[in-house]
N, C-alpha and C. Protein backbone atom coordinates (compact mmCIF):
# COMPACT_ATOMS: atom_id res chain seq x y z
N MET A 1 -73.76 -10.27 -43.44
CA MET A 1 -73.05 -9.02 -43.67
C MET A 1 -73.95 -8.09 -44.46
N LEU A 2 -73.98 -6.85 -44.03
CA LEU A 2 -74.72 -5.82 -44.74
C LEU A 2 -73.75 -5.13 -45.70
N ALA A 3 -74.10 -5.06 -46.97
CA ALA A 3 -73.27 -4.38 -47.97
C ALA A 3 -74.00 -3.13 -48.43
N LEU A 4 -73.33 -1.99 -48.31
CA LEU A 4 -73.91 -0.71 -48.69
C LEU A 4 -73.04 -0.01 -49.72
N SER A 5 -73.66 0.73 -50.62
CA SER A 5 -72.92 1.58 -51.55
C SER A 5 -72.94 3.00 -51.00
N ARG A 6 -71.80 3.64 -51.00
CA ARG A 6 -71.67 5.01 -50.53
C ARG A 6 -70.80 5.78 -51.51
N LYS A 7 -71.08 7.05 -51.65
CA LYS A 7 -70.28 7.93 -52.48
C LYS A 7 -69.44 8.82 -51.58
N LYS A 8 -68.49 9.54 -52.17
CA LYS A 8 -67.64 10.45 -51.41
C LYS A 8 -68.52 11.40 -50.59
N ASP A 9 -68.11 11.62 -49.35
CA ASP A 9 -68.79 12.48 -48.38
C ASP A 9 -70.09 11.90 -47.83
N GLU A 10 -70.44 10.67 -48.18
CA GLU A 10 -71.60 10.01 -47.58
C GLU A 10 -71.11 9.16 -46.41
N ALA A 11 -72.03 8.83 -45.52
CA ALA A 11 -71.64 8.11 -44.30
C ALA A 11 -72.69 7.08 -43.92
N ILE A 12 -72.31 6.23 -42.98
CA ILE A 12 -73.25 5.33 -42.32
C ILE A 12 -73.08 5.54 -40.81
N VAL A 13 -74.13 5.24 -40.07
CA VAL A 13 -74.10 5.37 -38.62
C VAL A 13 -74.39 4.00 -38.01
N ILE A 14 -73.62 3.67 -36.99
CA ILE A 14 -73.78 2.40 -36.28
C ILE A 14 -74.08 2.72 -34.82
N ASN A 15 -75.19 2.21 -34.33
CA ASN A 15 -75.54 2.29 -32.90
C ASN A 15 -75.55 3.72 -32.34
N ASP A 16 -75.99 4.67 -33.08
CA ASP A 16 -76.14 6.06 -32.63
C ASP A 16 -74.84 6.79 -32.28
N ASN A 17 -73.71 6.09 -32.16
CA ASN A 17 -72.51 6.78 -31.71
C ASN A 17 -71.25 6.49 -32.54
N ILE A 18 -71.40 5.78 -33.64
CA ILE A 18 -70.27 5.50 -34.52
C ILE A 18 -70.67 5.92 -35.93
N GLU A 19 -69.85 6.77 -36.53
CA GLU A 19 -70.09 7.21 -37.90
C GLU A 19 -68.89 6.85 -38.76
N ILE A 20 -69.17 6.23 -39.90
CA ILE A 20 -68.13 5.89 -40.86
C ILE A 20 -68.42 6.68 -42.13
N LYS A 21 -67.48 7.54 -42.50
CA LYS A 21 -67.67 8.44 -43.62
C LYS A 21 -66.64 8.18 -44.72
N ILE A 22 -67.08 8.21 -45.96
CA ILE A 22 -66.17 8.06 -47.10
C ILE A 22 -65.52 9.43 -47.33
N ILE A 23 -64.23 9.49 -47.14
CA ILE A 23 -63.49 10.75 -47.27
C ILE A 23 -63.02 10.97 -48.70
N ASP A 24 -62.49 9.93 -49.33
CA ASP A 24 -61.93 10.07 -50.68
C ASP A 24 -61.91 8.71 -51.36
N ILE A 25 -61.99 8.73 -52.67
CA ILE A 25 -61.89 7.52 -53.49
C ILE A 25 -60.91 7.80 -54.62
N LYS A 26 -59.84 7.02 -54.67
CA LYS A 26 -58.84 7.16 -55.74
C LYS A 26 -58.55 5.77 -56.29
N GLY A 27 -58.99 5.51 -57.50
CA GLY A 27 -58.78 4.18 -58.09
C GLY A 27 -59.45 3.12 -57.25
N ASP A 28 -58.67 2.13 -56.82
CA ASP A 28 -59.23 1.04 -56.03
C ASP A 28 -59.02 1.25 -54.53
N GLN A 29 -58.65 2.47 -54.14
CA GLN A 29 -58.43 2.77 -52.73
C GLN A 29 -59.48 3.74 -52.20
N VAL A 30 -60.01 3.42 -51.05
CA VAL A 30 -61.04 4.24 -50.41
C VAL A 30 -60.51 4.72 -49.06
N LYS A 31 -60.58 6.02 -48.81
CA LYS A 31 -60.18 6.57 -47.52
C LYS A 31 -61.44 6.82 -46.71
N ILE A 32 -61.47 6.23 -45.51
CA ILE A 32 -62.63 6.38 -44.65
C ILE A 32 -62.25 7.09 -43.37
N GLY A 33 -63.22 7.79 -42.80
CA GLY A 33 -63.05 8.41 -41.49
C GLY A 33 -64.02 7.76 -40.53
N ILE A 34 -63.57 7.54 -39.30
CA ILE A 34 -64.41 6.88 -38.30
C ILE A 34 -64.49 7.79 -37.08
N SER A 35 -65.71 8.14 -36.70
CA SER A 35 -65.95 8.88 -35.47
C SER A 35 -66.63 7.94 -34.49
N ALA A 36 -65.97 7.74 -33.35
CA ALA A 36 -66.51 6.83 -32.35
C ALA A 36 -66.02 7.28 -30.97
N PRO A 37 -66.71 6.87 -29.92
CA PRO A 37 -66.23 7.17 -28.57
C PRO A 37 -64.84 6.58 -28.35
N LYS A 38 -64.06 7.23 -27.51
CA LYS A 38 -62.71 6.74 -27.23
C LYS A 38 -62.71 5.34 -26.62
N SER A 39 -63.81 4.95 -26.02
CA SER A 39 -63.90 3.63 -25.40
C SER A 39 -64.08 2.50 -26.43
N VAL A 40 -64.29 2.85 -27.69
CA VAL A 40 -64.47 1.85 -28.73
C VAL A 40 -63.14 1.66 -29.46
N PRO A 41 -62.51 0.49 -29.30
CA PRO A 41 -61.25 0.26 -30.01
C PRO A 41 -61.50 0.07 -31.51
N ILE A 42 -60.63 0.65 -32.32
CA ILE A 42 -60.75 0.54 -33.77
C ILE A 42 -59.40 0.11 -34.32
N TYR A 43 -59.36 -1.00 -35.04
CA TYR A 43 -58.12 -1.54 -35.60
C TYR A 43 -58.32 -1.90 -37.05
N ARG A 44 -57.25 -1.79 -37.83
CA ARG A 44 -57.27 -2.41 -39.15
C ARG A 44 -57.28 -3.92 -38.91
N LYS A 45 -57.94 -4.66 -39.78
CA LYS A 45 -58.13 -6.10 -39.54
C LYS A 45 -56.81 -6.84 -39.39
N GLU A 46 -55.80 -6.51 -40.21
CA GLU A 46 -54.53 -7.21 -40.12
C GLU A 46 -53.82 -6.93 -38.80
N VAL A 47 -53.97 -5.72 -38.26
CA VAL A 47 -53.39 -5.38 -36.96
C VAL A 47 -54.13 -6.13 -35.86
N TYR A 48 -55.45 -6.18 -35.96
CA TYR A 48 -56.26 -6.92 -34.97
C TYR A 48 -55.85 -8.39 -34.94
N ALA A 49 -55.63 -8.98 -36.10
CA ALA A 49 -55.23 -10.39 -36.18
C ALA A 49 -53.87 -10.58 -35.50
N GLN A 50 -52.95 -9.65 -35.68
CA GLN A 50 -51.63 -9.75 -35.03
C GLN A 50 -51.77 -9.66 -33.51
N ILE A 51 -52.64 -8.78 -33.04
CA ILE A 51 -52.88 -8.65 -31.60
C ILE A 51 -53.44 -9.95 -31.04
N GLN A 52 -54.40 -10.53 -31.75
CA GLN A 52 -55.00 -11.80 -31.31
C GLN A 52 -53.94 -12.90 -31.25
N ASP A 53 -53.10 -12.98 -32.28
CA ASP A 53 -52.04 -14.00 -32.31
C ASP A 53 -51.06 -13.81 -31.14
N SER A 54 -50.69 -12.56 -30.87
CA SER A 54 -49.77 -12.27 -29.77
C SER A 54 -50.40 -12.65 -28.43
N ASN A 55 -51.68 -12.38 -28.28
CA ASN A 55 -52.37 -12.75 -27.04
C ASN A 55 -52.40 -14.26 -26.86
N LYS A 56 -52.65 -15.00 -27.94
CA LYS A 56 -52.66 -16.47 -27.86
C LYS A 56 -51.29 -17.00 -27.47
N GLU A 57 -50.22 -16.43 -28.07
CA GLU A 57 -48.86 -16.85 -27.73
C GLU A 57 -48.55 -16.57 -26.26
N ALA A 58 -48.99 -15.41 -25.78
CA ALA A 58 -48.74 -15.05 -24.39
C ALA A 58 -49.42 -16.02 -23.43
N VAL A 59 -50.64 -16.39 -23.74
CA VAL A 59 -51.38 -17.32 -22.89
C VAL A 59 -50.69 -18.69 -22.88
N GLN A 60 -50.22 -19.11 -24.03
CA GLN A 60 -49.58 -20.42 -24.12
C GLN A 60 -48.23 -20.45 -23.41
N SER A 61 -47.60 -19.29 -23.26
CA SER A 61 -46.27 -19.27 -22.63
C SER A 61 -46.35 -19.16 -21.11
N VAL A 62 -47.54 -19.03 -20.55
CA VAL A 62 -47.70 -18.90 -19.10
C VAL A 62 -47.41 -20.24 -18.43
N ASN A 63 -46.61 -20.19 -17.39
CA ASN A 63 -46.35 -21.37 -16.58
C ASN A 63 -47.52 -21.55 -15.63
N ARG A 64 -48.41 -22.45 -15.97
CA ARG A 64 -49.65 -22.61 -15.21
C ARG A 64 -49.40 -23.08 -13.77
N GLU A 65 -48.42 -23.94 -13.58
CA GLU A 65 -48.13 -24.44 -12.23
C GLU A 65 -47.63 -23.31 -11.34
N ALA A 66 -46.76 -22.47 -11.85
CA ALA A 66 -46.27 -21.33 -11.08
C ALA A 66 -47.41 -20.37 -10.76
N LEU A 67 -48.31 -20.19 -11.68
CA LEU A 67 -49.46 -19.32 -11.47
C LEU A 67 -50.37 -19.89 -10.39
N LYS A 68 -50.59 -21.19 -10.41
CA LYS A 68 -51.42 -21.83 -9.39
C LYS A 68 -50.80 -21.63 -8.00
N GLN A 69 -49.49 -21.83 -7.90
CA GLN A 69 -48.82 -21.67 -6.62
C GLN A 69 -48.91 -20.23 -6.12
N LEU A 70 -48.86 -19.30 -7.02
CA LEU A 70 -48.94 -17.88 -6.65
C LEU A 70 -50.28 -17.55 -6.00
N PHE A 71 -51.34 -18.13 -6.53
CA PHE A 71 -52.67 -17.81 -6.03
C PHE A 71 -53.16 -18.72 -4.91
N HIS A 72 -52.46 -19.79 -4.62
CA HIS A 72 -52.90 -20.71 -3.56
C HIS A 72 -52.07 -20.55 -2.29
N LYS A 73 -51.39 -19.46 -2.14
CA LYS A 73 -50.59 -19.24 -0.93
C LYS A 73 -51.43 -18.61 0.14
């Protein structure tokens, strides 16, 4: 992991097309802005974890035998 120090209004650039800028700092909270192409999904980590969990549950709930029959007709 790369750890960088940034001040308000400073930014970092990732891969020529993603910019992360420090917008504001209040106490222990930091507000960041992210500029990226629309094709790049951006999630808060806790939301991403929920999406991953939901996807795993969905895969586990699939009736594999019914799916096999659907594709072997």
